[in-house]
Each structure stands twice: as structure tokens, then as C-alpha cells.
């Protein structure tokens, strides 16, 4: 469930930000902004479903997931093909997420 919550939160945040971007930067109608704002609120709610007790750890780990989802969003939606360094950076971020979430603790 951990990964699913991270993925859903990422889609809500990136999608919400993208809708606000379309509204303010590309002149789409104001309902885009409203839907984007609602998606961003949903992102904040979804993140609370994580079972990890530390807010900071959850959000730090989510940052790595967000980076990879942003690369995929750019590829799928903006049609900007990621290069080797995009993928390498994303892989490094995911390794960091794994260490933060599942590393042995006292």
C-alpha cells in the first residue's frame, strides 16, 4: 500500500499543478484552476494515509517518487523524452527513497 499511496499522491500533485499551469500560463478556462486546486488538496489528504509515523520522512521519500513521476509525466504528457541522465537521476532518487523508508533503524 505504501507505493500505491505515493503514486496516487504524486498523480494528484503533478496533475493538480499541471491544471493550474494550463489555467494561468496557457489561458485555459478557470475550471482548470479549480480542478487543479482540488487535486492539490487531495494530494495533501492522500499523503496522510501513509503508515510511517514521521511527517518529514514521508515527505522526503515522496520527493524521490515525485521526481520519477515528473519524468514520466513530462514524457507522456509533454512529449519530452527523458535522456540517460534523467533516468540515472530518477534511479538514484528511488534508491534514496528505499534507504529512507526501509533502512534498518534502532
Protein backbone atom coordinates (compact mmCIF):
# COMPACT_ATOMS: atom_id res chain seq x y z
CA UNK A 1 0.00 0.00 0.00
CA UNK A 2 2.94 2.35 0.65
CA UNK A 3 3.87 2.56 -3.04
CA UNK A 4 0.23 2.93 -4.09
CA UNK A 5 -0.27 5.90 -1.73
CA UNK A 6 2.91 7.52 -3.05
CA UNK A 7 1.78 7.03 -6.65
CA UNK A 8 -1.70 8.40 -6.02
CA UNK A 9 -0.30 11.40 -4.15
CA UNK A 10 2.15 12.06 -6.98
CA UNK A 11 -0.51 11.91 -9.65
CA UNK A 12 -2.73 14.27 -7.65
CA UNK A 13 0.10 16.75 -7.08
CA UNK A 14 1.53 16.70 -10.58
CA UNK A 15 -1.91 16.64 -12.20
CA UNK A 16 -3.15 19.46 -9.98
CA UNK A 17 -0.09 21.57 -10.66
CA UNK A 18 -0.42 20.89 -14.38
CA UNK A 19 -4.07 22.01 -14.40
CA UNK A 20 -3.18 25.24 -12.60
CA UNK A 21 -0.32 25.72 -15.08
CA UNK A 22 -2.73 25.29 -18.01
CA UNK A 23 -5.12 27.79 -16.46
CA UNK A 24 -2.62 30.51 -15.59
CA UNK A 25 0.09 30.02 -18.21
CA UNK A 26 -1.84 28.75 -21.21
CA UNK A 27 -5.13 30.60 -20.83
CA UNK A 28 -7.39 27.65 -20.19
CA UNK A 29 -10.75 28.43 -18.51
CA UNK A 30 -10.88 28.93 -14.73
CA UNK A 31 -12.41 25.46 -14.07
CA UNK A 32 -8.93 24.08 -14.87
CA UNK A 33 -7.60 26.09 -11.94
CA UNK A 34 -10.40 24.95 -9.65
CA UNK A 35 -9.87 21.30 -10.58
CA UNK A 36 -6.13 21.76 -10.12
CA UNK A 37 -6.63 23.27 -6.68
CA UNK A 38 -8.90 20.40 -5.65
CA UNK A 39 -6.35 17.86 -6.89
CA UNK A 40 -3.65 19.60 -4.84
CA UNK A 41 -5.82 19.43 -1.72
CA UNK A 42 -6.44 15.75 -2.46
CA UNK A 43 -2.67 15.25 -2.67
CA UNK A 44 -2.30 16.60 0.86
CA UNK A 45 -5.02 14.28 2.14
CA UNK A 46 -3.67 11.17 0.38
CA UNK A 47 -0.25 11.65 1.93
CA UNK A 48 -1.76 11.32 5.41
CA UNK A 49 -2.74 7.72 4.65
CA UNK A 50 0.89 6.59 4.88
CA UNK A 51 1.59 4.42 7.91
CA UNK A 52 5.04 5.85 8.63
CA UNK A 53 4.97 7.89 11.85
CA UNK A 54 7.25 10.70 10.69
CA UNK A 55 5.89 13.52 8.53
CA UNK A 56 9.39 14.52 7.46
CA UNK A 57 10.38 11.03 6.41
CA UNK A 58 7.19 10.51 4.41
CA UNK A 59 7.60 13.80 2.57
CA UNK A 60 11.31 13.30 1.96
CA UNK A 61 10.65 9.85 0.50
CA UNK A 62 7.74 11.21 -1.51
CA UNK A 63 10.12 13.76 -3.04
CA UNK A 64 12.05 10.94 -4.72
CA UNK A 65 8.85 9.38 -6.04
CA UNK A 66 7.70 12.80 -7.26
CA UNK A 67 10.90 13.23 -9.28
CA UNK A 68 10.39 9.94 -11.12
CA UNK A 69 6.70 10.65 -11.69
CA UNK A 70 7.62 14.09 -13.05
CA UNK A 71 9.99 12.49 -15.54
CA UNK A 72 7.22 10.13 -16.64
CA UNK A 73 4.66 12.96 -16.80
CA UNK A 74 7.00 15.01 -18.98
CA UNK A 75 7.50 12.04 -21.26
CA UNK A 76 3.84 11.05 -21.52
CA UNK A 77 2.08 14.42 -21.41
CA UNK A 78 4.63 17.00 -22.59
CA UNK A 79 6.26 14.57 -25.05
CA UNK A 80 9.77 15.37 -23.75
CA UNK A 81 11.77 12.16 -24.00
CA UNK A 82 13.93 11.61 -20.92
CA UNK A 83 17.63 11.11 -21.56
CA UNK A 84 20.15 8.89 -19.80
CA UNK A 85 20.78 11.43 -17.06
CA UNK A 86 17.07 11.85 -16.34
CA UNK A 87 16.76 8.10 -15.82
CA UNK A 88 20.00 7.90 -13.84
CA UNK A 89 18.89 10.71 -11.54
CA UNK A 90 15.49 9.09 -11.11
CA UNK A 91 17.09 5.74 -10.22
CA UNK A 92 19.33 7.42 -7.65
CA UNK A 93 16.28 9.10 -6.12
CA UNK A 94 14.43 5.78 -5.87
CA UNK A 95 17.42 4.20 -4.17
CA UNK A 96 17.36 7.06 -1.67
CA UNK A 97 13.65 6.53 -1.07
CA UNK A 98 14.24 2.83 -0.37
CA UNK A 99 17.01 3.65 2.11
CA UNK A 100 14.87 6.23 3.92
CA UNK A 101 11.76 4.08 4.16
CA UNK A 102 13.12 0.60 4.70
CA UNK A 103 16.61 1.06 6.11
CA UNK A 104 17.21 -0.65 9.47
CA UNK A 105 16.52 1.61 12.44
CA UNK A 106 17.10 1.30 16.15
